[in-house]
Amino acid sequence: MYKNMLPIGSIIRTEGAERKLMVIGRVVTTEENDMIYDYVGVPYPEGINDSDKLYFFNRDQIEELLFIGFQDQEALIYQSEVLDNLKELKIGENGLEEV
């Protein structure tokens, strides 16, 4: 399911969108429905100016990758840990469940 993750700070455009988004989080859930999304982003270049302007999206919705964010050894270790943790989760009818 997850092979690579875009680094924080990456700039993308989702399908059909005119606005660019900057990735500010990876593998996130929403309070409303416990859905797992690959990413959360904010409008670029403004960033966060209203907490209601967070956009949750999945990798298959990315139409264009415009910039790859910063990634160092610490980020690669974190990514590896997240991917390992995802292997222990599954998405059921009632949201996230541990395997």
PDB file of N, CA and C in Angstrom:
ATOM      1  N   MET A   1       0.828  -1.197   0.000  1.00  0.00           N
ATOM      2  CA  MET A   1       0.000   0.000   0.000  1.00  0.00           C
ATOM      3  C   MET A   1       0.868   1.254   0.000  1.00  0.00           C
ATOM      4  N   TYR A   2       1.832   1.338   0.897  1.00  0.00           N
ATOM      5  CA  TYR A   2       2.711   2.504   0.964  1.00  0.00           C
ATOM      6  C   TYR A   2       4.130   2.073   0.630  1.00  0.00           C
ATOM      7  N   LYS A   3       4.701   2.638  -0.417  1.00  0.00           N
ATOM      8  CA  LYS A   3       6.090   2.335  -0.752  1.00  0.00           C
ATOM      9  C   LYS A   3       6.974   3.518  -0.418  1.00  0.00           C
ATOM     10  N   ASN A   4       6.580   4.696  -0.812  1.00  0.00           N
ATOM     11  CA  ASN A   4       7.317   5.924  -0.528  1.00  0.00           C
ATOM     12  C   ASN A   4       6.334   6.975  -0.056  1.00  0.00           C
ATOM     13  N   MET A   5       6.860   7.950   0.652  1.00  0.00           N
ATOM     14  CA  MET A   5       6.033   9.080   1.062  1.00  0.00           C
ATOM     15  C   MET A   5       6.743  10.351   0.618  1.00  0.00           C
ATOM     16  N   LEU A   6       5.968  11.324   0.196  1.00  0.00           N
ATOM     17  CA  LEU A   6       6.560  12.616  -0.132  1.00  0.00           C
ATOM     18  C   LEU A   6       7.027  13.294   1.149  1.00  0.00           C
ATOM     19  N   PRO A   7       8.162  13.953   1.113  1.00  0.00           N
ATOM     20  CA  PRO A   7       8.645  14.675   2.294  1.00  0.00           C
ATOM     21  C   PRO A   7       7.765  15.883   2.615  1.00  0.00           C
ATOM     22  N   ILE A   8       7.785  16.271   3.889  1.00  0.00           N
ATOM     23  CA  ILE A   8       7.128  17.504   4.315  1.00  0.00           C
ATOM     24  C   ILE A   8       7.707  18.654   3.487  1.00  0.00           C
ATOM     25  N   GLY A   9       6.850  19.562   3.086  1.00  0.00           N
ATOM     26  CA  GLY A   9       7.292  20.694   2.279  1.00  0.00           C
ATOM     27  C   GLY A   9       7.151  20.481   0.781  1.00  0.00           C
ATOM     28  N   SER A  10       6.795  19.256   0.375  1.00  0.00           N
ATOM     29  CA  SER A  10       6.591  18.999  -1.052  1.00  0.00           C
ATOM     30  C   SER A  10       5.389  19.798  -1.537  1.00  0.00           C
ATOM     31  N   ILE A  11       5.464  20.244  -2.786  1.00  0.00           N
ATOM     32  CA  ILE A  11       4.383  21.023  -3.391  1.00  0.00           C
ATOM     33  C   ILE A  11       3.756  20.175  -4.490  1.00  0.00           C
ATOM     34  N   ILE A  12       2.426  20.047  -4.426  1.00  0.00           N
ATOM     35  CA  ILE A  12       1.713  19.216  -5.395  1.00  0.00           C
ATOM     36  C   ILE A  12       0.476  19.948  -5.904  1.00  0.00           C
ATOM     37  N   ARG A  13      -0.118  19.367  -6.931  1.00  0.00           N
ATOM     38  CA  ARG A  13      -1.434  19.804  -7.391  1.00  0.00           C
ATOM     39  C   ARG A  13      -2.281  18.538  -7.492  1.00  0.00           C
ATOM     40  N   THR A  14      -3.491  18.583  -6.912  1.00  0.00           N
ATOM     41  CA  THR A  14      -4.373  17.419  -6.983  1.00  0.00           C
ATOM     42  C   THR A  14      -5.221  17.490  -8.251  1.00  0.00           C
ATOM     43  N   GLU A  15      -5.813  16.375  -8.597  1.00  0.00           N
ATOM     44  CA  GLU A  15      -6.625  16.280  -9.810  1.00  0.00           C
ATOM     45  C   GLU A  15      -7.704  17.352  -9.841  1.00  0.00           C
ATOM     46  N   GLY A  16      -7.766  18.084 -10.921  1.00  0.00           N
ATOM     47  CA  GLY A  16      -8.811  19.073 -11.130  1.00  0.00           C
ATOM     48  C   GLY A  16      -8.679  20.352 -10.322  1.00  0.00           C
ATOM     49  N   ALA A  17      -7.639  20.477  -9.518  1.00  0.00           N
ATOM     50  CA  ALA A  17      -7.482  21.665  -8.668  1.00  0.00           C
ATOM     51  C   ALA A  17      -6.637  22.730  -9.358  1.00  0.00           C
ATOM     52  N   GLU A  18      -7.002  23.975  -9.133  1.00  0.00           N
ATOM     53  CA  GLU A  18      -6.191  25.078  -9.640  1.00  0.00           C
ATOM     54  C   GLU A  18      -5.105  25.457  -8.647  1.00  0.00           C
ATOM     55  N   ARG A  19      -5.385  25.252  -7.348  1.00  0.00           N
ATOM     56  CA  ARG A  19      -4.470  25.648  -6.279  1.00  0.00           C
ATOM     57  C   ARG A  19      -3.413  24.585  -6.028  1.00  0.00           C
ATOM     58  N   LYS A  20      -2.226  25.044  -5.688  1.00  0.00           N
ATOM     59  CA  LYS A  20      -1.165  24.141  -5.258  1.00  0.00           C
ATOM     60  C   LYS A  20      -1.327  23.901  -3.761  1.00  0.00           C
ATOM     61  N   LEU A  21      -0.852  22.749  -3.301  1.00  0.00           N
ATOM     62  CA  LEU A  21      -0.853  22.427  -1.878  1.00  0.00           C
ATOM     63  C   LEU A  21       0.561  22.077  -1.437  1.00  0.00           C
ATOM     64  N   MET A  22       0.890  22.457  -0.205  1.00  0.00           N
ATOM     65  CA  MET A  22       2.155  22.061   0.394  1.00  0.00           C
ATOM     66  C   MET A  22       1.860  20.985   1.436  1.00  0.00           C
ATOM     67  N   VAL A  23       2.571  19.877   1.356  1.00  0.00           N
ATOM     68  CA  VAL A  23       2.399  18.773   2.292  1.00  0.00           C
ATOM     69  C   VAL A  23       2.914  19.198   3.668  1.00  0.00           C
ATOM     70  N   ILE A  24       2.039  19.073   4.688  1.00  0.00           N
ATOM     71  CA  ILE A  24       2.452  19.399   6.058  1.00  0.00           C
ATOM     72  C   ILE A  24       2.319  18.202   6.995  1.00  0.00           C
ATOM     73  N   GLY A  25       1.777  17.093   6.497  1.00  0.00           N
ATOM     74  CA  GLY A  25       1.645  15.902   7.321  1.00  0.00           C
ATOM     75  C   GLY A  25       1.454  14.675   6.453  1.00  0.00           C
ATOM     76  N   ARG A  26       1.843  13.528   7.007  1.00  0.00           N
ATOM     77  CA  ARG A  26       1.746  12.277   6.256  1.00  0.00           C
ATOM     78  C   ARG A  26       1.079  11.218   7.116  1.00  0.00           C
ATOM     79  N   VAL A  27       0.278  10.386   6.476  1.00  0.00           N
ATOM     80  CA  VAL A  27      -0.453   9.303   7.124  1.00  0.00           C
ATOM     81  C   VAL A  27      -1.231   9.859   8.319  1.00  0.00           C
ATOM     82  N   VAL A  28      -2.296  10.563   8.003  1.00  0.00           N
ATOM     83  CA  VAL A  28      -3.091  11.261   9.015  1.00  0.00           C
ATOM     84  C   VAL A  28      -4.534  10.758   9.000  1.00  0.00           C
ATOM     85  N   THR A  29      -5.201  10.900  10.145  1.00  0.00           N
ATOM     86  CA  THR A  29      -6.618  10.556  10.240  1.00  0.00           C
ATOM     87  C   THR A  29      -7.402  11.822  10.552  1.00  0.00           C
ATOM     88  N   THR A  30      -8.673  11.790  10.205  1.00  0.00           N
ATOM     89  CA  THR A  30      -9.541  12.916  10.533  1.00  0.00           C
ATOM     90  C   THR A  30     -10.414  12.529  11.714  1.00  0.00           C
ATOM     91  N   GLU A  31     -10.791  13.506  12.502  1.00  0.00           N
ATOM     92  CA  GLU A  31     -11.660  13.250  13.655  1.00  0.00           C
ATOM     93  C   GLU A  31     -13.055  12.821  13.208  1.00  0.00           C
ATOM     94  N   GLU A  32     -13.487  13.312  12.063  1.00  0.00           N
ATOM     95  CA  GLU A  32     -14.852  13.057  11.606  1.00  0.00           C
ATOM     96  C   GLU A  32     -15.113  11.601  11.278  1.00  0.00           C
ATOM     97  N   ASN A  33     -14.146  10.925  10.643  1.00  0.00           N
ATOM     98  CA  ASN A  33     -14.472   9.594  10.139  1.00  0.00           C
ATOM     99  C   ASN A  33     -13.391   8.535  10.339  1.00  0.00           C
ATOM    100  N   ASP A  34     -12.327   8.842  11.029  1.00  0.00           N
ATOM    101  CA  ASP A  34     -11.237   7.883  11.267  1.00  0.00           C
ATOM    102  C   ASP A  34     -10.643   7.319   9.981  1.00  0.00           C
ATOM    103  N   MET A  35     -10.805   8.017   8.885  1.00  0.00           N
ATOM    104  CA  MET A  35     -10.192   7.585   7.633  1.00  0.00           C
ATOM    105  C   MET A  35      -8.708   7.915   7.677  1.00  0.00           C
ATOM    106  N   ILE A  36      -7.909   7.045   7.084  1.00  0.00           N
ATOM    107  CA  ILE A  36      -6.482   7.338   6.937  1.00  0.00           C
ATOM    108  C   ILE A  36      -6.291   7.999   5.578  1.00  0.00           C
ATOM    109  N   TYR A  37      -5.602   9.115   5.576  1.00  0.00           N
ATOM    110  CA  TYR A  37      -5.221   9.781   4.335  1.00  0.00           C
ATOM    111  C   TYR A  37      -3.707   9.748   4.229  1.00  0.00           C
ATOM    112  N   ASP A  38      -3.216   9.676   3.011  1.00  0.00           N
ATOM    113  CA  ASP A  38      -1.767   9.681   2.808  1.00  0.00           C
ATOM    114  C   ASP A  38      -1.150  10.999   3.256  1.00  0.00           C
ATOM    115  N   TYR A  39      -1.850  12.104   2.996  1.00  0.00           N
ATOM    116  CA  TYR A  39      -1.274  13.425   3.254  1.00  0.00           C
ATOM    117  C   TYR A  39      -2.315  14.425   3.747  1.00  0.00           C
ATOM    118  N   VAL A  40      -1.809  15.457   4.410  1.00  0.00           N
ATOM    119  CA  VAL A  40      -2.591  16.658   4.687  1.00  0.00           C
ATOM    120  C   VAL A  40      -1.752  17.823   4.174  1.00  0.00           C
ATOM    121  N   GLY A  41      -2.435  18.783   3.556  1.00  0.00           N
ATOM    122  CA  GLY A  41      -1.724  19.923   2.993  1.00  0.00           C
ATOM    123  C   GLY A  41      -2.451  21.222   3.244  1.00  0.00           C
ATOM    124  N   VAL A  42      -1.739  22.294   2.960  1.00  0.00           N
ATOM    125  CA  VAL A  42      -2.292  23.645   3.072  1.00  0.00           C
ATOM    126  C   VAL A  42      -2.068  24.359   1.747  1.00  0.00           C
ATOM    127  N   PRO A  43      -2.887  25.377   1.469  1.00  0.00           N
ATOM    128  CA  PRO A  43      -2.712  26.123   0.225  1.00  0.00           C
ATOM    129  C   PRO A  43      -1.308  26.725   0.148  1.00  0.00           C
ATOM    130  N   TYR A  44      -0.736  26.667  -1.036  1.00  0.00           N
ATOM    131  CA  TYR A  44       0.572  27.271  -1.283  1.00  0.00           C
ATOM    132  C   TYR A  44       0.368  28.460  -2.206  1.00  0.00           C
ATOM    133  N   PRO A  45       0.933  29.597  -1.921  1.00  0.00           N
ATOM    134  CA  PRO A  45       2.024  29.898  -0.998  1.00  0.00           C
ATOM    135  C   PRO A  45       1.586  30.420   0.367  1.00  0.00           C
ATOM    136  N   GLU A  46       0.287  30.556   0.638  1.00  0.00           N
ATOM    137  CA  GLU A  46      -0.157  31.189   1.883  1.00  0.00           C
ATOM    138  C   GLU A  46       0.182  30.387   3.132  1.00  0.00           C
ATOM    139  N   GLY A  47       0.060  29.072   3.071  1.00  0.00           N
ATOM    140  CA  GLY A  47       0.225  28.254   4.261  1.00  0.00           C
ATOM    141  C   GLY A  47      -1.030  28.308   5.113  1.00  0.00           C
ATOM    142  N   ILE A  48      -0.878  28.063   6.400  1.00  0.00           N
ATOM    143  CA  ILE A  48      -2.032  28.044   7.306  1.00  0.00           C
ATOM    144  C   ILE A  48      -2.394  29.464   7.698  1.00  0.00           C
ATOM    145  N   ASN A  49      -3.582  29.874   7.325  1.00  0.00           N
ATOM    146  CA  ASN A  49      -4.116  31.136   7.829  1.00  0.00           C
ATOM    147  C   ASN A  49      -5.530  30.929   8.366  1.00  0.00           C
ATOM    148  N   ASP A  50      -6.003  29.692   8.280  1.00  0.00           N
ATOM    149  CA  ASP A  50      -7.312  29.307   8.807  1.00  0.00           C
ATOM    150  C   ASP A  50      -7.273  27.795   9.013  1.00  0.00           C
ATOM    151  N   SER A  51      -7.478  27.340  10.242  1.00  0.00           N
ATOM    152  CA  SER A  51      -7.360  25.902  10.521  1.00  0.00           C
ATOM    153  C   SER A  51      -8.401  25.071   9.775  1.00  0.00           C
ATOM    154  N   ASP A  52      -9.422  25.718   9.224  1.00  0.00           N
ATOM    155  CA  ASP A  52     -10.407  24.995   8.424  1.00  0.00           C
ATOM    156  C   ASP A  52      -9.918  24.749   7.002  1.00  0.00           C
ATOM    157  N   LYS A  53      -8.752  25.255   6.669  1.00  0.00           N
ATOM    158  CA  LYS A  53      -8.225  25.123   5.311  1.00  0.00           C
ATOM    159  C   LYS A  53      -7.166  24.036   5.208  1.00  0.00           C
ATOM    160  N   LEU A  54      -7.386  22.929   5.913  1.00  0.00           N
ATOM    161  CA  LEU A  54      -6.522  21.767   5.771  1.00  0.00           C
ATOM    162  C   LEU A  54      -7.148  20.852   4.731  1.00  0.00           C
ATOM    163  N   TYR A  55      -6.337  20.343   3.827  1.00  0.00           N
ATOM    164  CA  TYR A  55      -6.826  19.497   2.751  1.00  0.00           C
ATOM    165  C   TYR A  55      -6.227  18.105   2.900  1.00  0.00           C
ATOM    166  N   PHE A  56      -7.092  17.101   3.041  1.00  0.00           N
ATOM    167  CA  PHE A  56      -6.664  15.719   3.184  1.00  0.00           C
ATOM    168  C   PHE A  56      -6.771  15.049   1.821  1.00  0.00           C
ATOM    169  N   PHE A  57      -5.724  14.322   1.441  1.00  0.00           N
ATOM    170  CA  PHE A  57      -5.736  13.694   0.124  1.00  0.00           C
ATOM    171  C   PHE A  57      -4.843  12.457   0.128  1.00  0.00           C
ATOM    172  N   ASN A  58      -5.051  11.640  -0.889  1.00  0.00           N
ATOM    173  CA  ASN A  58      -4.285  10.413  -1.061  1.00  0.00           C
ATOM    174  C   ASN A  58      -3.394  10.514  -2.289  1.00  0.00           C
ATOM    175  N   ARG A  59      -2.404   9.657  -2.311  1.00  0.00           N
ATOM    176  CA  ARG A  59      -1.414   9.693  -3.396  1.00  0.00           C
ATOM    177  C   ARG A  59      -2.054   9.570  -4.777  1.00  0.00           C
ATOM    178  N   ASP A  60      -3.138   8.808  -4.890  1.00  0.00           N
ATOM    179  CA  ASP A  60      -3.756   8.637  -6.206  1.00  0.00           C
ATOM    180  C   ASP A  60      -4.488   9.890  -6.684  1.00  0.00           C
ATOM    181  N   GLN A  61      -4.633  10.890  -5.818  1.00  0.00           N
ATOM    182  CA  GLN A  61      -5.263  12.151  -6.212  1.00  0.00           C
ATOM    183  C   GLN A  61      -4.233  13.182  -6.685  1.00  0.00           C
ATOM    184  N   ILE A  62      -2.959  12.867  -6.547  1.00  0.00           N
ATOM    185  CA  ILE A  62      -1.913  13.807  -6.956  1.00  0.00           C
ATOM    186  C   ILE A  62      -1.769  13.756  -8.466  1.00  0.00           C
ATOM    187  N   GLU A  63      -1.985  14.897  -9.079  1.00  0.00           N
ATOM    188  CA  GLU A  63      -1.875  15.002 -10.531  1.00  0.00           C
ATOM    189  C   GLU A  63      -0.474  15.441 -10.948  1.00  0.00           C
ATOM    190  N   GLU A  64       0.132  16.312 -10.134  1.00  0.00           N
ATOM    191  CA  GLU A  64       1.430  16.877 -10.509  1.00  0.00           C
ATOM    192  C   GLU A  64       2.277  17.113  -9.259  1.00  0.00           C
ATOM    193  N   LEU A  65       3.519  16.666  -9.303  1.00  0.00           N
ATOM    194  CA  LEU A  65       4.485  16.938  -8.243  1.00  0.00           C
ATOM    195  C   LEU A  65       5.361  18.084  -8.725  1.00  0.00           C
ATOM    196  N   LEU A  66       5.273  19.218  -8.023  1.00  0.00           N
ATOM    197  CA  LEU A  66       5.974  20.423  -8.454  1.00  0.00           C
ATOM    198  C   LEU A  66       7.307  20.632  -7.744  1.00  0.00           C
ATOM    199  N   PHE A  67       7.410  20.130  -6.501  1.00  0.00           N
ATOM    200  CA  PHE A  67       8.633  20.311  -5.718  1.00  0.00           C
ATOM    201  C   PHE A  67       8.700  19.221  -4.665  1.00  0.00           C
ATOM    202  N   ILE A  68       9.867  18.626  -4.502  1.00  0.00           N
ATOM    203  CA  ILE A  68      10.064  17.612  -3.468  1.00  0.00           C
ATOM    204  C   ILE A  68      10.686  18.284  -2.260  1.00  0.00           C
ATOM    205  N   GLY A  69      10.045  18.133  -1.105  1.00  0.00           N
ATOM    206  CA  GLY A  69      10.499  18.762   0.132  1.00  0.00           C
ATOM    207  C   GLY A  69      11.806  18.184   0.651  1.00  0.00           C
ATOM    208  N   PHE A  70      12.318  18.811   1.698  1.00  0.00           N
ATOM    209  CA  PHE A  70      13.585  18.420   2.317  1.00  0.00           C
ATOM    210  C   PHE A  70      13.463  17.053   2.978  1.00  0.00           C
ATOM    211  N   GLN A  71      14.504  16.244   2.806  1.00  0.00           N
ATOM    212  CA  GLN A  71      14.519  14.924   3.425  1.00  0.00           C
ATOM    213  C   GLN A  71      15.947  14.601   3.832  1.00  0.00           C
ATOM    214  N   ASP A  72      16.142  14.290   5.110  1.00  0.00           N
ATOM    215  CA  ASP A  72      17.457  13.903   5.602  1.00  0.00           C
ATOM    216  C   ASP A  72      17.359  12.515   6.238  1.00  0.00           C
ATOM    217  N   GLN A  73      18.429  12.096   6.895  1.00  0.00           N
ATOM    218  CA  GLN A  73      18.447  10.768   7.500  1.00  0.00           C
ATOM    219  C   GLN A  73      17.348  10.602   8.544  1.00  0.00           C
ATOM    220  N   GLU A  74      17.112  11.642   9.335  1.00  0.00           N
ATOM    221  CA  GLU A  74      16.063  11.590  10.358  1.00  0.00           C
ATOM    222  C   GLU A  74      14.690  11.351   9.722  1.00  0.00           C
ATOM    223  N   ALA A  75      14.428  12.026   8.617  1.00  0.00           N
ATOM    224  CA  ALA A  75      13.148  11.860   7.919  1.00  0.00           C
ATOM    225  C   ALA A  75      13.022  10.454   7.333  1.00  0.00           C
ATOM    226  N   LEU A  76      14.111   9.911   6.822  1.00  0.00           N
ATOM    227  CA  LEU A  76      14.075   8.561   6.259  1.00  0.00           C
ATOM    228  C   LEU A  76      13.819   7.511   7.342  1.00  0.00           C
ATOM    229  N   ILE A  77      14.415   7.704   8.520  1.00  0.00           N
ATOM    230  CA  ILE A  77      14.174   6.793   9.641  1.00  0.00           C
ATOM    231  C   ILE A  77      12.707   6.871  10.064  1.00  0.00           C
ATOM    232  N   TYR A  78      12.189   8.099  10.175  1.00  0.00           N
ATOM    233  CA  TYR A  78      10.783   8.289  10.544  1.00  0.00           C
ATOM    234  C   TYR A  78       9.874   7.603   9.525  1.00  0.00           C
ATOM    235  N   GLN A  79      10.153   7.799   8.251  1.00  0.00           N
ATOM    236  CA  GLN A  79       9.337   7.191   7.203  1.00  0.00           C
ATOM    237  C   GLN A  79       9.341   5.674   7.339  1.00  0.00           C
ATOM    238  N   SER A  80      10.487   5.091   7.592  1.00  0.00           N
ATOM    239  CA  SER A  80      10.593   3.646   7.752  1.00  0.00           C
ATOM    240  C   SER A  80       9.750   3.163   8.932  1.00  0.00           C
ATOM    241  N   GLU A  81       9.792   3.892  10.047  1.00  0.00           N
ATOM    242  CA  GLU A  81       9.001   3.528  11.225  1.00  0.00           C
ATOM    243  C   GLU A  81       7.502   3.621  10.940  1.00  0.00           C
ATOM    244  N   VAL A  82       7.098   4.670  10.247  1.00  0.00           N
ATOM    245  CA  VAL A  82       5.683   4.840   9.908  1.00  0.00           C
ATOM    246  C   VAL A  82       5.216   3.703   9.009  1.00  0.00           C
ATOM    247  N   LEU A  83       6.004   3.374   8.014  1.00  0.00           N
ATOM    248  CA  LEU A  83       5.622   2.302   7.101  1.00  0.00           C
ATOM    249  C   LEU A  83       5.526   0.967   7.830  1.00  0.00           C
ATOM    250  N   ASP A  84       6.434   0.720   8.774  1.00  0.00           N
ATOM    251  CA  ASP A  84       6.357  -0.506   9.573  1.00  0.00           C
ATOM    252  C   ASP A  84       5.084  -0.531  10.408  1.00  0.00           C
ATOM    253  N   ASN A  85       4.732   0.606  11.012  1.00  0.00           N
ATOM    254  CA  ASN A  85       3.513   0.684  11.827  1.00  0.00           C
ATOM    255  C   ASN A  85       2.257   0.478  10.989  1.00  0.00           C
ATOM    256  N   LEU A  86       2.273   0.959   9.759  1.00  0.00           N
ATOM    257  CA  LEU A  86       1.103   0.798   8.891  1.00  0.00           C
ATOM    258  C   LEU A  86       0.836  -0.664   8.572  1.00  0.00           C
ATOM    259  N   LYS A  87       1.873  -1.465   8.562  1.00  0.00           N
ATOM    260  CA  LYS A  87       1.692  -2.887   8.287  1.00  0.00           C
ATOM    261  C   LYS A  87       0.875  -3.563   9.381  1.00  0.00           C
ATOM    262  N   GLU A  88       0.835  -2.945  10.570  1.00  0.00           N
ATOM    263  CA  GLU A  88       0.113  -3.519  11.700  1.00  0.00           C
ATOM    264  C   GLU A  88      -1.324  -3.007  11.799  1.00  0.00           C
ATOM    265  N   LEU A  89      -1.728  -2.158  10.884  1.00  0.00           N
ATOM    266  CA  LEU A  89      -3.086  -1.616  10.877  1.00  0.00           C
ATOM    267  C   LEU A  89      -3.839  -2.113   9.663  1.00  0.00           C
ATOM    268  N   LYS A  90      -5.133  -2.174   9.798  1.00  0.00           N
ATOM    269  CA  LYS A  90      -5.980  -2.425   8.637  1.00  0.00           C
ATOM    270  C   LYS A  90      -7.178  -1.506   8.754  1.00  0.00           C
ATOM    271  N   ILE A  91      -7.794  -1.240   7.643  1.00  0.00           N
ATOM    272  CA  ILE A  91      -8.972  -0.388   7.637  1.00  0.00           C
ATOM    273  C   ILE A  91     -10.191  -1.291   7.537  1.00  0.00           C
ATOM    274  N   GLY A  92     -11.023  -1.233   8.570  1.00  0.00           N
ATOM    275  CA  GLY A  92     -12.240  -2.040   8.603  1.00  0.00           C
ATOM    276  C   GLY A  92     -13.456  -1.172   8.349  1.00  0.00           C
ATOM    277  N   GLU A  93     -14.622  -1.770   8.461  1.00  0.00           N
ATOM    278  CA  GLU A  93     -15.860  -1.029   8.238  1.00  0.00           C
ATOM    279  C   GLU A  93     -16.046   0.084   9.251  1.00  0.00           C
ATOM    280  N   ASN A  94     -15.481  -0.082  10.430  1.00  0.00           N
ATOM    281  CA  ASN A  94     -15.627   0.913  11.490  1.00  0.00           C
ATOM    282  C   ASN A  94     -14.379   1.764  11.656  1.00  0.00           C
ATOM    283  N   GLY A  95     -13.600   1.902  10.622  1.00  0.00           N
ATOM    284  CA  GLY A  95     -12.394   2.722  10.700  1.00  0.00           C
ATOM    285  C   GLY A  95     -11.158   1.874  10.910  1.00  0.00           C
ATOM    286  N   LEU A  96     -10.188   2.421  11.635  1.00  0.00           N
ATOM    287  CA  LEU A  96      -8.912   1.752  11.834  1.00  0.00           C
ATOM    288  C   LEU A  96      -9.010   0.673  12.892  1.00  0.00           C
ATOM    289  N   GLU A  97      -8.331  -0.418  12.633  1.00  0.00           N
ATOM    290  CA  GLU A  97      -8.280  -1.508  13.594  1.00  0.00           C
ATOM    291  C   GLU A  97      -6.859  -2.048  13.608  1.00  0.00           C
ATOM    292  N   GLU A  98      -6.417  -2.524  14.775  1.00  0.00           N
ATOM    293  CA  GLU A  98      -5.111  -3.173  14.832  1.00  0.00           C
ATOM    294  C   GLU A  98      -5.256  -4.609  14.391  1.00  0.00           C
ATOM    295  N   VAL A  99      -4.229  -5.126  13.718  1.00  0.00           N
ATOM    296  CA  VAL A  99      -4.237  -6.509  13.247  1.00  0.00           C
ATOM    297  C   VAL A  99      -3.847  -7.420  14.390  1.00  0.00           C
TER     298      VAL A  99
END
